[in-house]
């Protein structure tokens, strides 16, 4: 397959570890389907691009951060709940078993 479709083979190799990580953590169903794609991130990137499309001159990095933060704040009000969010507790518990304590605490605060 790799010789006939090198792009597809490379894509499979690139995402294989992440896909197997979700399965190893015991994530299934709706949360698995949501997290195995890049759609949520691409959607958010599109919202930020739309929000900032009229800015023609970025003065510095701080301005970029302010605009992106403002765009994310605006987008948050219109976002739906994550599909499979009822499995987040399972995900956090699985991550707690694999990660250092401070990383897990930061993840819980973000959730």
C-alpha atoms as a PDB file:
ATOM      1  CA  UNK A   1       0.000   0.000   0.000  1.00  0.00           C
ATOM      2  CA  UNK A   2       2.826   2.394   0.812  1.00  0.00           C
ATOM      3  CA  UNK A   3       4.155   2.344  -2.735  1.00  0.00           C
ATOM      4  CA  UNK A   4       0.732   2.972  -4.294  1.00  0.00           C
ATOM      5  CA  UNK A   5      -0.488   5.535  -1.761  1.00  0.00           C
ATOM      6  CA  UNK A   6       2.491   7.021   0.099  1.00  0.00           C
ATOM      7  CA  UNK A   7       0.469   9.950   1.484  1.00  0.00           C
ATOM      8  CA  UNK A   8      -2.175   7.676   2.997  1.00  0.00           C
ATOM      9  CA  UNK A   9       0.458   5.379   4.479  1.00  0.00           C
ATOM     10  CA  UNK A  10       2.304   8.328   6.011  1.00  0.00           C
ATOM     11  CA  UNK A  11      -0.932   9.665   7.464  1.00  0.00           C
ATOM     12  CA  UNK A  12      -1.704   6.309   9.067  1.00  0.00           C
ATOM     13  CA  UNK A  13       1.785   6.072  10.556  1.00  0.00           C
ATOM     14  CA  UNK A  14       1.532   9.635  11.886  1.00  0.00           C
ATOM     15  CA  UNK A  15      -1.778   9.107  13.701  1.00  0.00           C
ATOM     16  CA  UNK A  16      -1.366   5.478  14.723  1.00  0.00           C
ATOM     17  CA  UNK A  17       0.290   6.230  18.072  1.00  0.00           C
ATOM     18  CA  UNK A  18      -2.423   8.739  19.041  1.00  0.00           C
ATOM     19  CA  UNK A  19      -5.194   6.357  18.034  1.00  0.00           C
ATOM     20  CA  UNK A  20      -3.681   3.539  20.039  1.00  0.00           C
ATOM     21  CA  UNK A  21      -3.154   5.886  22.991  1.00  0.00           C
ATOM     22  CA  UNK A  22      -6.881   6.591  23.170  1.00  0.00           C
ATOM     23  CA  UNK A  23      -7.624   2.879  23.090  1.00  0.00           C
ATOM     24  CA  UNK A  24      -4.973   2.164  25.731  1.00  0.00           C
ATOM     25  CA  UNK A  25      -6.532   4.772  28.000  1.00  0.00           C
ATOM     26  CA  UNK A  26      -9.893   3.008  27.691  1.00  0.00           C
ATOM     27  CA  UNK A  27     -11.610   5.822  25.808  1.00  0.00           C
ATOM     28  CA  UNK A  28     -14.436   4.583  23.604  1.00  0.00           C
ATOM     29  CA  UNK A  29     -17.649   5.790  22.049  1.00  0.00           C
ATOM     30  CA  UNK A  30     -18.390   9.445  21.402  1.00  0.00           C
ATOM     31  CA  UNK A  31     -15.350  10.846  23.203  1.00  0.00           C
ATOM     32  CA  UNK A  32     -13.080   8.531  21.205  1.00  0.00           C
ATOM     33  CA  UNK A  33     -14.658   9.637  17.917  1.00  0.00           C
ATOM     34  CA  UNK A  34     -14.289  13.290  18.908  1.00  0.00           C
ATOM     35  CA  UNK A  35     -10.677  13.096  20.064  1.00  0.00           C
ATOM     36  CA  UNK A  36      -9.388  10.956  17.201  1.00  0.00           C
ATOM     37  CA  UNK A  37      -9.989  13.745  14.691  1.00  0.00           C
ATOM     38  CA  UNK A  38      -8.544  17.214  14.340  1.00  0.00           C
ATOM     39  CA  UNK A  39     -11.959  18.697  13.531  1.00  0.00           C
ATOM     40  CA  UNK A  40     -12.454  20.494  16.889  1.00  0.00           C
ATOM     41  CA  UNK A  41      -9.047  22.160  16.598  1.00  0.00           C
ATOM     42  CA  UNK A  42      -9.525  23.049  12.932  1.00  0.00           C
ATOM     43  CA  UNK A  43     -12.951  24.493  13.731  1.00  0.00           C
ATOM     44  CA  UNK A  44     -11.477  26.637  16.499  1.00  0.00           C
ATOM     45  CA  UNK A  45      -8.621  27.782  14.250  1.00  0.00           C
ATOM     46  CA  UNK A  46     -11.187  28.814  11.647  1.00  0.00           C
ATOM     47  CA  UNK A  47     -13.124  30.818  14.225  1.00  0.00           C
ATOM     48  CA  UNK A  48      -9.951  32.634  15.302  1.00  0.00           C
ATOM     49  CA  UNK A  49      -9.052  33.348  11.670  1.00  0.00           C
ATOM     50  CA  UNK A  50     -12.518  34.753  11.009  1.00  0.00           C
ATOM     51  CA  UNK A  51     -12.401  36.903  14.139  1.00  0.00           C
ATOM     52  CA  UNK A  52      -8.979  38.352  13.297  1.00  0.00           C
ATOM     53  CA  UNK A  53      -9.308  38.606   9.500  1.00  0.00           C
ATOM     54  CA  UNK A  54      -9.565  42.406   9.404  1.00  0.00           C
ATOM     55  CA  UNK A  55      -6.400  43.068  11.398  1.00  0.00           C
ATOM     56  CA  UNK A  56      -3.831  44.155   8.829  1.00  0.00           C
ATOM     57  CA  UNK A  57      -0.896  45.213  10.986  1.00  0.00           C
ATOM     58  CA  UNK A  58       0.142  43.209  14.026  1.00  0.00           C
ATOM     59  CA  UNK A  59       2.309  45.447  16.217  1.00  0.00           C
ATOM     60  CA  UNK A  60       3.819  42.712  18.401  1.00  0.00           C
ATOM     61  CA  UNK A  61       3.310  39.286  19.923  1.00  0.00           C
ATOM     62  CA  UNK A  62       1.305  40.690  22.814  1.00  0.00           C
ATOM     63  CA  UNK A  63      -1.244  42.074  20.373  1.00  0.00           C
ATOM     64  CA  UNK A  64      -1.555  38.658  18.724  1.00  0.00           C
ATOM     65  CA  UNK A  65      -2.126  37.029  22.119  1.00  0.00           C
ATOM     66  CA  UNK A  66      -4.783  39.600  23.054  1.00  0.00           C
ATOM     67  CA  UNK A  67      -6.682  39.114  19.813  1.00  0.00           C
ATOM     68  CA  UNK A  68      -6.490  35.320  19.974  1.00  0.00           C
ATOM     69  CA  UNK A  69      -7.656  35.367  23.613  1.00  0.00           C
ATOM     70  CA  UNK A  70     -10.527  37.637  22.653  1.00  0.00           C
ATOM     71  CA  UNK A  71     -11.444  35.378  19.724  1.00  0.00           C
ATOM     72  CA  UNK A  72     -11.392  32.287  21.950  1.00  0.00           C
ATOM     73  CA  UNK A  73     -13.517  34.031  24.554  1.00  0.00           C
ATOM     74  CA  UNK A  74     -16.030  35.009  21.875  1.00  0.00           C
ATOM     75  CA  UNK A  75     -16.041  31.492  20.375  1.00  0.00           C
ATOM     76  CA  UNK A  76     -16.526  29.838  23.784  1.00  0.00           C
ATOM     77  CA  UNK A  77     -19.984  31.335  24.113  1.00  0.00           C
ATOM     78  CA  UNK A  78     -21.078  29.622  20.889  1.00  0.00           C
ATOM     79  CA  UNK A  79     -19.459  26.229  21.352  1.00  0.00           C
ATOM     80  CA  UNK A  80     -21.408  23.124  22.119  1.00  0.00           C
ATOM     81  CA  UNK A  81     -20.542  20.630  24.790  1.00  0.00           C
ATOM     82  CA  UNK A  82     -17.881  18.106  23.832  1.00  0.00           C
ATOM     83  CA  UNK A  83     -19.422  14.896  22.542  1.00  0.00           C
ATOM     84  CA  UNK A  84     -18.683  12.160  25.024  1.00  0.00           C
ATOM     85  CA  UNK A  85     -17.989  14.608  27.845  1.00  0.00           C
ATOM     86  CA  UNK A  86     -19.535  12.128  30.284  1.00  0.00           C
ATOM     87  CA  UNK A  87     -16.376  10.028  29.778  1.00  0.00           C
ATOM     88  CA  UNK A  88     -14.016  12.829  30.793  1.00  0.00           C
ATOM     89  CA  UNK A  89     -13.723  11.406  34.309  1.00  0.00           C
ATOM     90  CA  UNK A  90     -12.470   8.126  32.816  1.00  0.00           C
ATOM     91  CA  UNK A  91      -9.968  10.018  30.687  1.00  0.00           C
ATOM     92  CA  UNK A  92      -8.671  12.049  33.638  1.00  0.00           C
ATOM     93  CA  UNK A  93      -8.305   8.926  35.770  1.00  0.00           C
ATOM     94  CA  UNK A  94      -6.393   7.130  33.015  1.00  0.00           C
ATOM     95  CA  UNK A  95      -4.124  10.153  32.544  1.00  0.00           C
ATOM     96  CA  UNK A  96      -3.547  10.329  36.311  1.00  0.00           C
ATOM     97  CA  UNK A  97      -2.167   6.805  36.243  1.00  0.00           C
ATOM     98  CA  UNK A  98       0.258   7.657  33.418  1.00  0.00           C
ATOM     99  CA  UNK A  99       1.322  11.231  34.219  1.00  0.00           C
ATOM    100  CA  UNK A 100       3.147  13.067  36.986  1.00  0.00           C
ATOM    101  CA  UNK A 101       0.839  14.560  39.615  1.00  0.00           C
ATOM    102  CA  UNK A 102       1.381  18.223  38.630  1.00  0.00           C
ATOM    103  CA  UNK A 103       0.470  17.551  34.987  1.00  0.00           C
ATOM    104  CA  UNK A 104      -2.745  15.815  35.988  1.00  0.00           C
ATOM    105  CA  UNK A 105      -3.701  18.664  38.327  1.00  0.00           C
ATOM    106  CA  UNK A 106      -3.187  21.187  35.518  1.00  0.00           C
ATOM    107  CA  UNK A 107      -5.338  19.020  33.242  1.00  0.00           C
ATOM    108  CA  UNK A 108      -8.130  18.875  35.833  1.00  0.00           C
ATOM    109  CA  UNK A 109      -8.089  22.628  36.257  1.00  0.00           C
ATOM    110  CA  UNK A 110      -8.322  23.092  32.481  1.00  0.00           C
ATOM    111  CA  UNK A 111     -11.281  20.695  32.288  1.00  0.00           C
END
